Amino acid sequence: MKTFVSYSTALDQILALRLQTMASVYGMTVYVPPATTRHSPTGLLIPEVQEQLGQSDVVLAVITQMPTPGAVNEMNEAVRLKKLLIPIVSPGVPSEYYINFQHVVLVDPADPSRAEREIVGILAGKQQEKASKTALLALATLAVALLLFGTYSK
């Protein structure tokens, strides 16, 4: 199972890298794009990012603030490639940045378990292998936990 983690800000990158480290414990392959790809005003996807998106089974988009053009392009490319895309959005992010995506998980700091249940529901609707669902659930739980950690540490 290959997972691509899209992110925008420095905080998002820290969360994405922690997620990558923790997911490796579950034997998952997680790609986090280099920080240099976040600063392009056009958001042009470099070949490495395009290749990793193409090879990924699922795309998690960590959104704690307004997404950069690169993150928006990664999410749009995931949709175009018909990847399972799960934006994990922290409170306060304007809905215009995620309203057009099929699946969105809004993290409520008062009840993070709701976000986990939503992710389980999304995965249950997909015809994924049981092992893949377990791995994705573990990854989703880690992502929600890291997002909450990032929200509280601001």
Protein backbone atom coordinates (compact mmCIF):
# COMPACT_ATOMS: atom_id res chain seq x y z
CA MET A 1 0.00 0.00 0.00
CA LYS A 2 1.45 3.33 -1.10
CA THR A 3 0.24 6.57 0.40
CA PHE A 4 0.95 10.11 -0.77
CA VAL A 5 0.67 12.90 1.81
CA SER A 6 -0.07 16.33 0.40
CA TYR A 7 0.60 19.35 2.63
CA SER A 8 1.12 23.13 2.41
CA THR A 9 2.66 24.83 5.42
CA ALA A 10 5.74 24.11 7.52
CA LEU A 11 3.45 22.78 10.27
CA ASP A 12 1.72 20.53 7.74
CA GLN A 13 5.12 19.23 6.63
CA ILE A 14 6.08 18.38 10.20
CA LEU A 15 2.80 16.50 10.59
CA ALA A 16 3.31 14.73 7.26
CA LEU A 17 6.84 13.64 8.17
CA ARG A 18 5.73 12.37 11.58
CA LEU A 19 2.92 10.51 9.87
CA GLN A 20 5.41 8.99 7.44
CA THR A 21 7.62 7.81 10.30
CA MET A 22 4.74 6.34 12.29
CA ALA A 23 3.21 4.65 9.25
CA SER A 24 6.46 2.84 8.53
CA VAL A 25 5.86 0.94 11.78
CA TYR A 26 2.79 -0.56 10.08
CA GLY A 27 4.85 -1.51 7.02
CA MET A 28 3.32 1.20 4.88
CA THR A 29 5.12 3.19 2.22
CA VAL A 30 4.38 6.89 2.59
CA TYR A 31 5.71 9.59 0.25
CA VAL A 32 5.95 13.17 1.47
CA PRO A 33 6.92 15.67 -1.25
CA PRO A 34 10.06 17.76 -0.67
CA ALA A 35 9.56 21.15 1.00
CA THR A 36 10.99 22.88 -2.08
CA THR A 37 7.85 21.87 -4.00
CA ARG A 38 5.67 23.93 -1.64
CA HIS A 39 7.08 27.32 -2.63
CA SER A 40 6.25 27.46 -6.34
CA PRO A 41 3.71 30.22 -7.02
CA THR A 42 2.30 28.19 -9.93
CA GLY A 43 2.19 24.90 -8.02
CA LEU A 44 3.65 23.06 -11.01
CA LEU A 45 4.09 19.39 -10.09
CA ILE A 46 7.64 18.18 -10.63
CA PRO A 47 8.11 14.78 -12.32
CA GLU A 48 8.98 13.03 -9.03
CA VAL A 49 5.73 14.21 -7.43
CA GLN A 50 3.71 13.24 -10.52
CA GLU A 51 5.28 9.78 -10.48
CA GLN A 52 4.63 9.26 -6.76
CA LEU A 53 1.02 10.41 -7.14
CA GLY A 54 0.56 7.96 -9.99
CA GLN A 55 1.95 5.08 -7.95
CA SER A 56 -0.05 5.85 -4.79
CA ASP A 57 -3.11 3.92 -3.69
CA VAL A 58 -4.41 6.71 -1.47
CA VAL A 59 -3.74 10.43 -1.06
CA LEU A 60 -4.08 12.12 2.31
CA ALA A 61 -4.21 15.90 2.22
CA VAL A 62 -3.31 17.54 5.52
CA ILE A 63 -4.89 21.00 5.52
CA THR A 64 -4.37 23.21 8.56
CA GLN A 65 -4.49 26.53 6.68
CA MET A 66 -5.03 27.81 3.16
CA PRO A 67 -3.50 25.21 0.78
CA THR A 68 -0.62 26.26 -1.46
CA PRO A 69 -1.00 26.01 -5.24
CA GLY A 70 1.16 22.85 -5.16
CA ALA A 71 -1.10 21.13 -2.64
CA VAL A 72 -4.20 22.15 -4.60
CA ASN A 73 -2.64 20.76 -7.79
CA GLU A 74 -1.75 17.51 -6.00
CA MET A 75 -5.33 17.09 -4.83
CA ASN A 76 -6.70 17.90 -8.27
CA GLU A 77 -4.29 15.41 -9.85
CA ALA A 78 -5.37 12.74 -7.35
CA VAL A 79 -8.98 13.33 -8.40
CA ARG A 80 -8.02 13.20 -12.09
CA LEU A 81 -6.17 9.91 -11.53
CA LYS A 82 -9.19 8.55 -9.60
CA LYS A 83 -7.15 8.01 -6.44
CA LEU A 84 -8.81 7.67 -3.08
CA LEU A 85 -8.32 11.22 -1.76
CA ILE A 86 -9.00 12.03 1.87
CA PRO A 87 -8.49 15.67 2.85
CA ILE A 88 -8.07 15.86 6.63
CA VAL A 89 -8.99 19.42 7.50
CA SER A 90 -8.46 21.28 10.77
CA PRO A 91 -11.02 23.71 12.18
CA GLY A 92 -10.98 27.20 10.75
CA VAL A 93 -10.00 26.29 7.19
CA PRO A 94 -12.46 28.01 4.81
CA SER A 95 -14.68 25.47 3.06
CA GLU A 96 -13.85 26.90 -0.38
CA TYR A 97 -10.55 25.01 -0.19
CA TYR A 98 -12.13 21.57 0.11
CA ILE A 99 -15.83 21.79 -0.73
CA ASN A 100 -15.45 20.28 -4.22
CA PHE A 101 -13.83 17.04 -3.09
CA GLN A 102 -15.93 13.91 -2.76
CA HIS A 103 -14.60 12.89 0.67
CA VAL A 104 -13.55 15.38 3.33
CA VAL A 105 -12.84 14.73 7.00
CA LEU A 106 -13.21 17.74 9.27
CA VAL A 107 -11.38 17.28 12.54
CA ASP A 108 -13.31 18.44 15.59
CA PRO A 109 -10.82 18.86 18.47
CA ALA A 110 -13.66 18.15 20.92
CA ASP A 111 -14.45 14.80 19.25
CA PRO A 112 -11.60 13.47 17.07
CA SER A 113 -13.16 10.00 17.08
CA ARG A 114 -15.85 11.36 14.73
CA ALA A 115 -13.15 12.01 12.11
CA GLU A 116 -11.87 8.47 12.51
CA ARG A 117 -15.41 7.09 12.07
CA GLU A 118 -15.84 9.16 8.92
CA ILE A 119 -12.62 7.76 7.49
CA VAL A 120 -13.77 4.23 8.31
CA GLY A 121 -17.02 5.00 6.49
CA ILE A 122 -15.16 6.24 3.43
CA LEU A 123 -12.99 3.14 3.39
CA ALA A 124 -15.95 0.82 3.92
CA GLY A 125 -17.52 2.31 0.79
CA LYS A 126 -14.48 1.38 -1.24
CA GLN A 127 -13.76 -2.18 -2.24
CA GLN A 128 -10.40 -2.35 -0.52
CA GLU A 129 -8.79 -5.50 0.77
CA LYS A 130 -9.21 -6.03 4.52
CA ALA A 131 -5.48 -5.60 5.13
CA SER A 132 -5.53 -2.34 3.19
CA LYS A 133 -8.50 -1.08 5.22
CA THR A 134 -6.68 -1.88 8.45
CA ALA A 135 -3.55 -0.11 7.27
CA LEU A 136 -5.53 2.91 6.06
CA LEU A 137 -7.43 3.10 9.33
CA ALA A 138 -4.15 3.05 11.24
CA LEU A 139 -2.79 5.78 8.96
CA ALA A 140 -5.98 7.84 9.30
CA THR A 141 -5.93 7.55 13.07
CA LEU A 142 -2.32 8.71 13.12
CA ALA A 143 -3.12 11.60 10.78
CA VAL A 144 -6.00 12.80 12.93
CA ALA A 145 -3.87 12.52 16.07
CA LEU A 146 -1.04 14.47 14.48
CA LEU A 147 -3.40 17.11 13.15
CA LEU A 148 -4.85 17.59 16.61
CA PHE A 149 -1.36 17.76 18.07
CA GLY A 150 -0.48 20.46 15.56
CA THR A 151 -3.66 22.39 16.31
CA TYR A 152 -3.02 22.42 20.04
CA SER A 153 0.65 23.29 19.75
CA LYS A 154 0.02 26.55 17.84
